[in-house]
Amino acid sequence: MKGSKNMKKNLLIMATEYKAMKARADALKADMDALKADMITALGGAEKVVCGQYTVSNQTIISHVVDTKRLQAERPDVANEYTVEKETTRFTVR
């Protein structure tokens, strides 16, 4: 029982540290997103600009993806034939 109490205490400390780090990372990401928006504006519509040792680019990329919702609605037989089960884990601290 005592080991369980220590484990919970350690987990509480780690969870608190994790949440604080996540908040800092979220704030940093917001700052980076704002800076990125400013840089895109500075590009003035150009796709690529070389400035010093850096190349700043903002290019449109076209990719082709399968519309799985439409495929499932219109051709469920085909969708089911090509659907595979995938296992992932989700880590959260709330």
Protein backbone atom coordinates (compact mmCIF):
# COMPACT_ATOMS: atom_id res chain seq x y z
CA MET A 1 0.00 0.00 0.00
CA LYS A 2 2.85 2.40 0.87
CA GLY A 3 4.50 1.86 -2.53
CA SER A 4 1.22 2.77 -4.18
CA LYS A 5 1.08 6.04 -2.22
CA ASN A 6 4.64 6.94 -3.30
CA MET A 7 3.83 6.02 -6.89
CA LYS A 8 0.79 8.32 -6.86
CA LYS A 9 2.84 11.13 -5.30
CA ASN A 10 5.56 10.74 -7.95
CA LEU A 11 2.93 10.58 -10.68
CA LEU A 12 1.31 13.74 -9.31
CA ILE A 13 4.66 15.55 -9.44
CA MET A 14 5.33 14.31 -12.98
CA ALA A 15 1.80 15.19 -14.15
CA THR A 16 2.14 18.69 -12.70
CA GLU A 17 5.48 19.17 -14.46
CA TYR A 18 4.04 17.77 -17.69
CA LYS A 19 1.08 20.17 -17.61
CA ALA A 20 3.41 23.14 -16.98
CA MET A 21 5.66 22.09 -19.87
CA LYS A 22 2.64 21.59 -22.13
CA ALA A 23 1.42 25.10 -21.31
CA ARG A 24 4.85 26.52 -22.21
CA ALA A 25 4.92 24.47 -25.43
CA ASP A 26 1.42 25.68 -26.37
CA ALA A 27 2.47 29.30 -25.76
CA LEU A 28 5.62 28.79 -27.82
CA LYS A 29 3.58 27.23 -30.65
CA ALA A 30 1.24 30.24 -30.63
CA ASP A 31 4.26 32.57 -30.87
CA MET A 32 5.69 30.48 -33.71
CA ASP A 33 2.36 30.51 -35.56
CA ALA A 34 2.20 34.31 -35.26
CA LEU A 35 5.78 34.66 -36.51
CA LYS A 36 5.02 32.28 -39.38
CA ALA A 37 2.02 34.42 -40.39
CA ASP A 38 4.23 37.53 -40.34
CA MET A 39 6.85 35.77 -42.48
CA ILE A 40 4.22 34.67 -45.01
CA THR A 41 3.05 38.27 -45.23
CA ALA A 42 6.67 39.40 -45.68
CA LEU A 43 7.06 36.98 -48.60
CA GLY A 44 4.55 39.17 -50.44
CA GLY A 45 3.13 36.31 -52.47
CA ALA A 46 6.50 34.89 -53.49
CA GLU A 47 6.82 31.14 -53.08
CA LYS A 48 10.49 31.25 -52.09
CA VAL A 49 12.91 33.90 -50.88
CA VAL A 50 16.60 33.39 -50.04
CA CYS A 51 17.71 35.62 -47.19
CA GLY A 52 21.21 35.09 -45.85
CA GLN A 53 21.72 31.44 -44.94
CA TYR A 54 17.97 30.75 -44.97
CA THR A 55 15.48 29.95 -47.67
CA VAL A 56 11.94 30.84 -46.66
CA SER A 57 9.23 29.21 -48.75
CA ASN A 58 5.47 29.00 -48.69
CA GLN A 59 4.43 26.61 -51.41
CA THR A 60 1.07 25.09 -52.19
CA ILE A 61 1.21 21.30 -52.23
CA ILE A 62 -1.51 19.28 -53.91
CA SER A 63 -2.06 15.76 -52.65
CA HIS A 64 -4.59 13.10 -53.50
CA VAL A 65 -6.50 11.41 -50.71
CA VAL A 66 -9.42 9.03 -50.60
CA ASP A 67 -12.67 10.54 -49.33
CA THR A 68 -13.39 7.69 -46.91
CA LYS A 69 -16.77 9.04 -45.78
CA ARG A 70 -18.02 9.24 -49.36
CA LEU A 71 -16.52 5.84 -50.21
CA GLN A 72 -18.22 4.28 -47.18
CA ALA A 73 -21.54 5.90 -48.12
CA GLU A 74 -21.45 5.07 -51.83
CA ARG A 75 -19.42 1.85 -51.95
CA PRO A 76 -19.41 0.23 -48.50
CA ASP A 77 -18.37 -3.11 -50.02
CA VAL A 78 -15.15 -1.64 -51.39
CA ALA A 79 -14.55 0.45 -48.26
CA ASN A 80 -14.92 -2.60 -46.02
CA GLU A 81 -12.64 -4.67 -48.24
CA TYR A 82 -9.80 -2.16 -47.89
CA THR A 83 -10.36 -1.14 -44.29
CA VAL A 84 -7.75 -2.37 -41.83
CA GLU A 85 -7.72 -2.20 -38.08
CA LYS A 86 -4.99 -0.02 -36.60
CA GLU A 87 -4.08 0.09 -32.93
CA THR A 88 -2.77 3.29 -31.35
CA THR A 89 -2.36 4.62 -27.84
CA ARG A 90 -3.47 7.98 -26.54
CA PHE A 91 -1.70 9.62 -23.63
CA THR A 92 -3.52 12.42 -21.82
CA VAL A 93 -3.11 14.40 -18.65
CA ARG A 94 -6.19 16.42 -17.70
